[in-house]
Amino acid sequence: MRIGLDVMGGDHAPQVILDGIPMGLSHLGDDDQLVLFGDQSIIEAWLKDNDCNDPRVEVIGTTQSVSMDESPVEAVRTKSDSSLVVLCREASKKSENGQLDVVISAGNTGAFVAAAQMHMRRMPSVARPGIAAVIPTFGGPVTFIDVGANIEPKPHHLVQYGVMGSVYASHMLGIDSPRVGVMNVGGEEQKGTEDLKRTREMLLECEAVNFVGFVEGRAVFDGAADVVVCDGVTGNVTLKLAEGLSSGIIKKLAALAQAEDPKLAEQFKPVLKQLYQEYDYHEYGGAPLMGVNGVCLICHGSSEARTIGNAIHRAHRYVGSGVNQAIADRLAAVEVEA
């Protein structure tokens, strides 16, 4: 397996991306390769300084990078030798060492999505790719799709997200017959926009998913569904709100315990550590852009070294799980009106 990594993408790139390499390599087999895309001099200097002479590491030098605040389409169009664009372009063709099986970046999400669609193309039957992110809740992990790729989806896009999210939850999270819900302002069938009502009707008729109806925000964290379908704005806001809230609560608990009794705070540390690990997005590594040919894993812009290591691990598992083939088979059997 060949895994491509954008070294120049992210808020703290390239340092934290490079620092995540040793952990990532620990999850790979002897026949796997980790291909690094970015400034060759920076990458090779890091490899030398860290005594990383692993034969599984390959470097492909690029001369440009895409910043986090650039216009996605403009960046992809004008920066053809950026690490992010070259990464996706290499994934679409056979090189002398073989095609990339996975591409990973913590860079500009919009540009990564645009480059992936331009070079890797969509899977057969997929109308619009969507980003699937796992949010840990009190009722277990919930897959949200979409969380940023498609901000104005049509009903048939949302139906396909339900199918793709269901396959992901089944194959990657081990959930048997995942319950699929659509995010709305309430659970009642008469609520929401006309597009949401139409989506509900279409999903009720879709035998490829276990549809449970509309779900509202607070019900998500009580385990109302295993897969939540929504537009990219709603999904992205929910994801970041959940991350900020969980992190804030844990920090507040630690501060209260310290203020109450330092000895109690010390005894409480293992509990806080367990909570942090369970609800920490860094543990999940990255979110797949579902519906493209190949595997495209999108990491947080604020990724740490362990985020990258976990992303490499998750990417390796993703390819081995056969998710993409299962999605292609499931969607081929689903007729969705555009």
Protein backbone atom coordinates (compact mmCIF):
# COMPACT_ATOMS: atom_id res chain seq x y z
CA MET A 1 0.00 0.00 0.00
CA ARG A 2 1.27 3.48 -0.89
CA ILE A 3 0.08 6.35 1.34
CA GLY A 4 0.64 9.94 0.21
CA LEU A 5 1.02 12.67 2.85
CA ASP A 6 0.91 16.44 2.29
CA VAL A 7 3.73 17.74 4.49
CA MET A 8 3.02 21.42 3.81
CA GLY A 9 -0.69 21.52 4.73
CA GLY A 10 -2.04 22.61 8.12
CA ASP A 11 -1.84 25.34 10.73
CA HIS A 12 1.38 23.92 12.17
CA ALA A 13 2.95 22.47 9.04
CA PRO A 14 5.46 21.25 8.20
CA GLN A 15 6.85 20.50 11.67
CA VAL A 16 3.92 18.64 13.25
CA ILE A 17 3.20 16.74 10.03
CA LEU A 18 6.78 15.48 9.95
CA ASP A 19 6.71 14.70 13.68
CA GLY A 20 3.74 12.40 13.08
CA ILE A 21 5.70 10.19 10.67
CA PRO A 22 7.29 7.81 13.24
CA MET A 23 3.92 6.98 14.79
CA GLY A 24 2.39 6.52 11.35
CA LEU A 25 5.18 4.19 10.23
CA SER A 26 4.64 2.03 13.32
CA HIS A 27 1.20 1.11 11.93
CA LEU A 28 2.45 0.15 8.48
CA GLY A 29 3.68 -3.19 7.18
CA ASP A 30 7.03 -3.97 5.60
CA ASP A 31 5.56 -3.76 2.10
CA ASP A 32 3.83 -0.40 2.65
CA GLN A 33 5.21 2.96 1.58
CA LEU A 34 4.73 6.47 2.98
CA VAL A 35 5.21 9.06 0.24
CA LEU A 36 5.92 12.60 1.47
CA PHE A 37 4.95 15.58 -0.70
CA GLY A 38 6.41 19.03 -0.05
CA ASP A 39 9.59 21.09 0.12
CA GLN A 40 12.30 18.50 -0.49
CA SER A 41 15.03 20.31 1.45
CA ILE A 42 12.84 20.66 4.56
CA ILE A 43 11.70 17.02 4.44
CA GLU A 44 15.17 15.60 3.87
CA ALA A 45 16.65 17.77 6.63
CA TRP A 46 14.02 16.47 9.07
CA LEU A 47 14.65 12.86 8.02
CA LYS A 48 18.39 13.34 8.59
CA ASP A 49 18.02 15.16 11.93
CA ASN A 50 15.69 12.45 13.22
CA ASP A 51 17.74 9.52 11.90
CA CYS A 52 14.77 8.38 9.86
CA ASN A 53 16.27 6.26 7.10
CA ASP A 54 13.30 3.93 6.82
CA PRO A 55 13.25 2.39 3.31
CA ARG A 56 9.45 2.69 3.31
CA VAL A 57 9.69 6.50 3.14
CA GLU A 58 9.75 8.19 -0.27
CA VAL A 59 9.97 11.94 -0.99
CA ILE A 60 8.39 13.78 -3.91
CA GLY A 61 9.52 17.40 -3.95
CA THR A 62 7.14 20.27 -4.77
CA THR A 63 7.79 23.99 -5.06
CA GLN A 64 4.48 25.47 -3.90
CA SER A 65 2.02 25.19 -1.02
CA VAL A 66 -1.59 26.22 -0.50
CA SER A 67 -2.29 28.40 2.55
CA MET A 68 -5.33 27.89 4.74
CA ASP A 69 -6.97 31.17 3.71
CA GLU A 70 -6.60 30.91 -0.06
CA SER A 71 -9.53 30.59 -2.44
CA PRO A 72 -9.81 26.81 -3.04
CA VAL A 73 -10.59 26.86 -6.77
CA GLU A 74 -8.07 29.61 -7.49
CA ALA A 75 -5.33 27.81 -5.53
CA VAL A 76 -5.90 24.53 -7.34
CA ARG A 77 -5.96 26.30 -10.70
CA THR A 78 -2.84 28.43 -10.22
CA LYS A 79 -0.65 26.27 -7.98
CA SER A 80 -0.18 23.15 -10.05
CA ASP A 81 3.08 22.28 -8.26
CA SER A 82 1.72 22.64 -4.74
CA SER A 83 2.05 19.64 -2.43
CA LEU A 84 -1.73 19.29 -2.17
CA VAL A 85 -2.40 19.34 -5.93
CA VAL A 86 0.53 17.09 -6.84
CA LEU A 87 -0.61 14.66 -4.16
CA CYS A 88 -4.06 14.30 -5.75
CA ARG A 89 -2.65 14.23 -9.26
CA GLU A 90 -0.32 11.36 -8.35
CA ALA A 91 -3.26 9.46 -6.89
CA SER A 92 -4.94 9.50 -10.28
CA LYS A 93 -2.15 7.86 -12.25
CA LYS A 94 0.31 5.03 -12.19
CA SER A 95 3.87 6.01 -11.31
CA GLU A 96 6.96 3.84 -11.63
CA ASN A 97 6.46 2.74 -8.03
CA GLY A 98 2.70 2.24 -8.29
CA GLN A 99 -0.41 4.33 -7.74
CA LEU A 100 -1.15 6.01 -4.43
CA ASP A 101 -3.83 4.13 -2.50
CA VAL A 102 -4.45 6.94 0.01
CA VAL A 103 -3.92 10.71 0.14
CA ILE A 104 -3.82 12.63 3.44
CA SER A 105 -3.72 16.37 4.10
CA ALA A 106 -4.38 18.75 6.99
CA GLY A 107 -4.31 21.70 4.59
CA ASN A 108 -6.99 23.89 3.04
CA THR A 109 -10.10 21.67 3.06
CA GLY A 110 -11.82 23.39 0.14
CA ALA A 111 -8.71 23.12 -2.01
CA PHE A 112 -8.21 19.47 -1.06
CA VAL A 113 -11.81 18.65 -1.99
CA ALA A 114 -11.49 20.55 -5.28
CA ALA A 115 -8.17 18.90 -6.18
CA ALA A 116 -9.49 15.44 -5.30
CA GLN A 117 -12.59 15.87 -7.47
CA MET A 118 -10.56 17.33 -10.33
CA HIS A 119 -7.87 14.65 -10.43
CA MET A 120 -9.22 11.57 -8.65
CA ARG A 121 -12.78 12.04 -9.97
CA ARG A 122 -16.01 10.74 -8.48
CA MET A 123 -16.96 7.12 -8.02
CA PRO A 124 -19.63 5.73 -10.39
CA SER A 125 -23.16 6.77 -9.35
CA VAL A 126 -21.91 9.41 -6.86
CA ALA A 127 -23.52 12.81 -7.48
CA ARG A 128 -21.49 14.80 -4.95
CA PRO A 129 -18.75 13.61 -2.54
CA GLY A 130 -19.20 14.36 1.16
CA ILE A 131 -16.90 14.42 4.19
CA ALA A 132 -17.73 11.86 6.88
CA ALA A 133 -16.51 12.69 10.39
CA VAL A 134 -16.96 10.60 13.52
CA ILE A 135 -18.17 12.44 16.62
CA PRO A 136 -17.92 10.56 19.95
CA THR A 137 -21.17 10.85 21.93
CA PHE A 138 -22.61 9.43 25.15
CA GLY A 139 -24.44 6.87 23.02
CA GLY A 140 -21.35 5.83 21.05
CA PRO A 141 -19.62 7.12 17.90
CA VAL A 142 -21.84 8.92 15.39
CA THR A 143 -20.88 9.46 11.75
CA PHE A 144 -21.78 12.92 10.44
CA ILE A 145 -21.94 13.43 6.69
CA ASP A 146 -21.43 16.05 5.29
CA VAL A 147 -19.15 18.24 7.45
CA GLY A 148 -17.90 20.75 4.89
CA ALA A 149 -17.68 19.60 1.28
CA ASN A 150 -21.22 20.47 0.11
CA ILE A 151 -22.90 23.48 1.75
CA GLU A 152 -26.04 23.46 -0.43
CA PRO A 153 -26.91 19.82 -1.05
CA LYS A 154 -29.96 18.65 -2.95
CA PRO A 155 -32.19 15.89 -1.57
CA HIS A 156 -30.58 13.23 -3.79
CA HIS A 157 -27.14 14.24 -2.45
CA LEU A 158 -28.38 13.76 1.12
CA VAL A 159 -29.86 10.37 0.28
CA GLN A 160 -26.52 9.23 -1.12
CA TYR A 161 -24.81 10.56 2.01
CA GLY A 162 -27.11 8.34 4.03
CA VAL A 163 -26.02 5.32 2.00
CA MET A 164 -22.30 6.17 2.15
CA GLY A 165 -22.43 7.02 5.86
CA SER A 166 -24.21 3.75 6.59
CA VAL A 167 -21.53 1.74 4.78
CA TYR A 168 -18.78 3.63 6.62
CA ALA A 169 -20.35 3.09 10.05
CA SER A 170 -20.79 -0.60 9.31
CA HIS A 171 -17.32 -1.28 7.92
CA MET A 172 -15.17 1.07 10.00
CA LEU A 173 -17.07 1.25 13.31
CA GLY A 174 -18.52 -2.26 13.32
CA ILE A 175 -22.14 -1.13 13.72
CA ASP A 176 -24.66 -3.66 12.47
CA SER A 177 -27.46 -2.02 10.44
CA PRO A 178 -26.57 1.60 11.38
CA ARG A 179 -29.55 3.85 12.12
CA VAL A 180 -29.58 6.80 9.72
CA GLY A 181 -31.20 10.11 10.65
CA VAL A 182 -31.46 13.52 9.02
CA MET A 183 -30.54 16.57 11.11
CA ASN A 184 -33.47 18.95 11.46
CA VAL A 185 -34.95 21.54 13.82
CA GLY A 186 -37.15 18.84 15.33
CA GLY A 187 -38.09 15.19 15.00
CA GLU A 188 -41.61 15.81 13.70
CA GLU A 189 -42.13 14.97 10.03
CA GLN A 190 -43.82 18.31 9.20
CA LYS A 191 -40.81 20.37 10.30
CA GLY A 192 -37.95 21.69 8.17
CA THR A 193 -37.44 22.96 4.65
CA GLU A 194 -39.05 21.46 1.58
CA ASP A 195 -35.71 19.89 0.64
CA LEU A 196 -35.47 18.19 4.03
CA LYS A 197 -39.04 16.90 3.75
CA ARG A 198 -38.27 15.55 0.29
CA THR A 199 -35.09 13.92 1.62
CA ARG A 200 -37.14 12.21 4.33
CA GLU A 201 -39.60 10.85 1.77
CA MET A 202 -36.80 9.51 -0.41
CA LEU A 203 -34.97 7.87 2.48
CA LEU A 204 -38.18 6.19 3.66
CA GLU A 205 -38.31 4.52 0.26
CA CYS A 206 -34.60 3.63 0.22
CA GLU A 207 -34.09 -0.01 1.21
CA ALA A 208 -30.31 0.45 1.33
CA VAL A 209 -30.45 2.28 4.68
CA ASN A 210 -32.05 1.80 8.09
CA PHE A 211 -33.75 5.21 8.19
CA VAL A 212 -35.11 6.42 11.54
CA GLY A 213 -36.38 9.88 10.52
CA PHE A 214 -35.46 13.40 11.56
CA VAL A 215 -33.19 13.96 14.58
CA GLU A 216 -32.51 17.22 16.43
CA GLY A 217 -29.17 18.33 17.84
CA ARG A 218 -29.57 17.27 21.46
CA ALA A 219 -30.89 13.83 20.47
CA VAL A 220 -27.64 13.10 18.62
CA PHE A 221 -25.70 12.91 21.88
CA ASP A 222 -28.31 10.61 23.42
CA GLY A 223 -27.80 7.99 20.71
CA ALA A 224 -30.79 8.72 18.46
CA ALA A 225 -28.88 7.65 15.33
CA ASP A 226 -25.58 6.10 14.26
CA VAL A 227 -25.33 8.19 11.08
CA VAL A 228 -26.50 11.81 10.83
CA VAL A 229 -27.04 13.32 7.38
CA CYS A 230 -26.83 17.09 6.94
CA ASP A 231 -25.52 19.91 4.79
CA GLY A 232 -21.86 20.89 5.05
CA VAL A 233 -22.49 24.03 7.12
CA THR A 234 -24.61 22.29 9.75
CA GLY A 235 -22.21 19.37 9.96
CA ASN A 236 -19.09 21.51 10.24
CA VAL A 237 -20.60 23.77 12.92
CA THR A 238 -21.82 20.75 14.91
CA LEU A 239 -18.42 19.04 14.67
CA LYS A 240 -16.47 22.06 15.89
CA LEU A 241 -19.03 22.91 18.56
CA ALA A 242 -18.80 19.36 19.93
CA GLU A 243 -14.99 19.49 19.91
CA GLY A 244 -14.87 22.84 21.69
CA LEU A 245 -17.49 21.87 24.26
CA SER A 246 -15.90 18.55 25.18
CA SER A 247 -12.46 20.12 25.51
CA GLY A 248 -13.84 23.00 27.59
CA ILE A 249 -15.76 20.73 29.98
CA ILE A 250 -12.70 18.56 30.65
CA LYS A 251 -10.52 21.61 31.32
CA LYS A 252 -13.19 23.05 33.63
CA LEU A 253 -13.42 19.79 35.59
CA ALA A 254 -9.65 19.74 36.04
CA ALA A 255 -9.64 23.37 37.25
CA LEU A 256 -12.51 22.78 39.71
CA ALA A 257 -10.82 19.70 41.15
CA GLN A 258 -7.53 21.59 41.54
CA ALA A 259 -9.27 24.49 43.26
CA GLU A 260 -11.19 22.19 45.60
CA ASP A 261 -8.32 19.94 46.65
CA PRO A 262 -4.93 19.48 44.91
CA LYS A 263 -4.73 15.89 46.21
CA LEU A 264 -8.18 15.17 44.80
CA ALA A 265 -7.09 16.68 41.51
CA GLU A 266 -4.13 14.31 41.38
CA GLN A 267 -6.38 11.31 42.04
CA PHE A 268 -8.80 12.56 39.42
CA LYS A 269 -6.16 12.76 36.66
CA PRO A 270 -6.62 9.17 35.34
CA VAL A 271 -10.37 9.79 34.94
CA LEU A 272 -9.79 13.05 33.07
CA LYS A 273 -7.20 11.39 30.87
CA GLN A 274 -9.63 8.63 29.95
CA LEU A 275 -12.36 11.19 29.20
CA TYR A 276 -10.00 13.25 27.09
CA GLN A 277 -8.90 10.25 25.03
CA GLU A 278 -12.49 9.11 24.50
CA TYR A 279 -13.73 12.50 23.30
CA ASP A 280 -10.56 13.81 21.65
CA TYR A 281 -10.82 14.32 17.87
CA HIS A 282 -7.06 13.80 17.49
CA GLU A 283 -7.66 10.11 18.20
CA TYR A 284 -9.72 9.76 15.00
CA GLY A 285 -6.97 11.13 12.77
CA GLY A 286 -8.99 12.36 9.83
CA ALA A 287 -12.28 12.31 7.98
CA PRO A 288 -12.68 10.60 4.59
CA LEU A 289 -13.99 12.44 1.56
CA MET A 290 -16.49 9.78 0.56
CA GLY A 291 -17.46 9.28 -3.05
CA VAL A 292 -14.12 9.90 -4.78
CA ASN A 293 -12.08 7.29 -6.62
CA GLY A 294 -9.54 6.21 -4.04
CA VAL A 295 -9.15 7.18 -0.40
CA CYS A 296 -8.87 10.87 0.52
CA LEU A 297 -8.44 11.59 4.24
CA ILE A 298 -8.92 15.16 5.47
CA CYS A 299 -7.28 16.10 8.76
CA HIS A 300 -7.98 19.08 11.01
CA GLY A 301 -6.03 22.22 10.20
CA SER A 302 -5.00 22.24 13.88
CA SER A 303 -3.68 18.67 13.69
CA GLU A 304 -0.94 17.58 16.06
CA ALA A 305 1.73 14.98 15.38
CA ARG A 306 -0.41 12.22 16.88
CA THR A 307 -3.33 13.30 14.70
CA ILE A 308 -1.20 12.59 11.64
CA GLY A 309 0.00 9.29 13.06
CA ASN A 310 -3.58 8.23 13.74
CA ALA A 311 -4.63 9.38 10.26
CA ILE A 312 -2.02 7.13 8.65
CA HIS A 313 -3.26 4.24 10.79
CA ARG A 314 -6.91 4.92 9.91
CA ALA A 315 -6.08 5.24 6.22
CA HIS A 316 -4.40 1.84 6.29
CA ARG A 317 -7.49 0.32 7.92
CA TYR A 318 -9.83 2.10 5.52
CA VAL A 319 -8.22 0.60 2.42
CA GLY A 320 -8.26 -2.87 3.94
CA SER A 321 -11.93 -2.60 4.93
CA GLY A 322 -13.25 -2.46 1.37
CA VAL A 323 -15.48 0.57 2.09
CA ASN A 324 -15.25 2.04 -1.40
CA GLN A 325 -16.27 -1.15 -3.16
CA ALA A 326 -19.17 -1.58 -0.74
CA ILE A 327 -20.32 1.99 -1.45
CA ALA A 328 -20.12 1.43 -5.21
CA ASP A 329 -22.14 -1.79 -4.92
CA ARG A 330 -24.76 -0.23 -2.63
CA LEU A 331 -25.23 2.91 -4.73
CA ALA A 332 -25.46 0.93 -7.95
CA ALA A 333 -28.58 -0.72 -6.56
CA VAL A 334 -30.17 2.57 -5.44
CA GLU A 335 -32.20 4.68 -7.84
CA VAL A 336 -32.19 8.31 -6.75
CA GLU A 337 -34.01 11.08 -8.61
CA ALA A 338 -31.89 14.17 -9.21
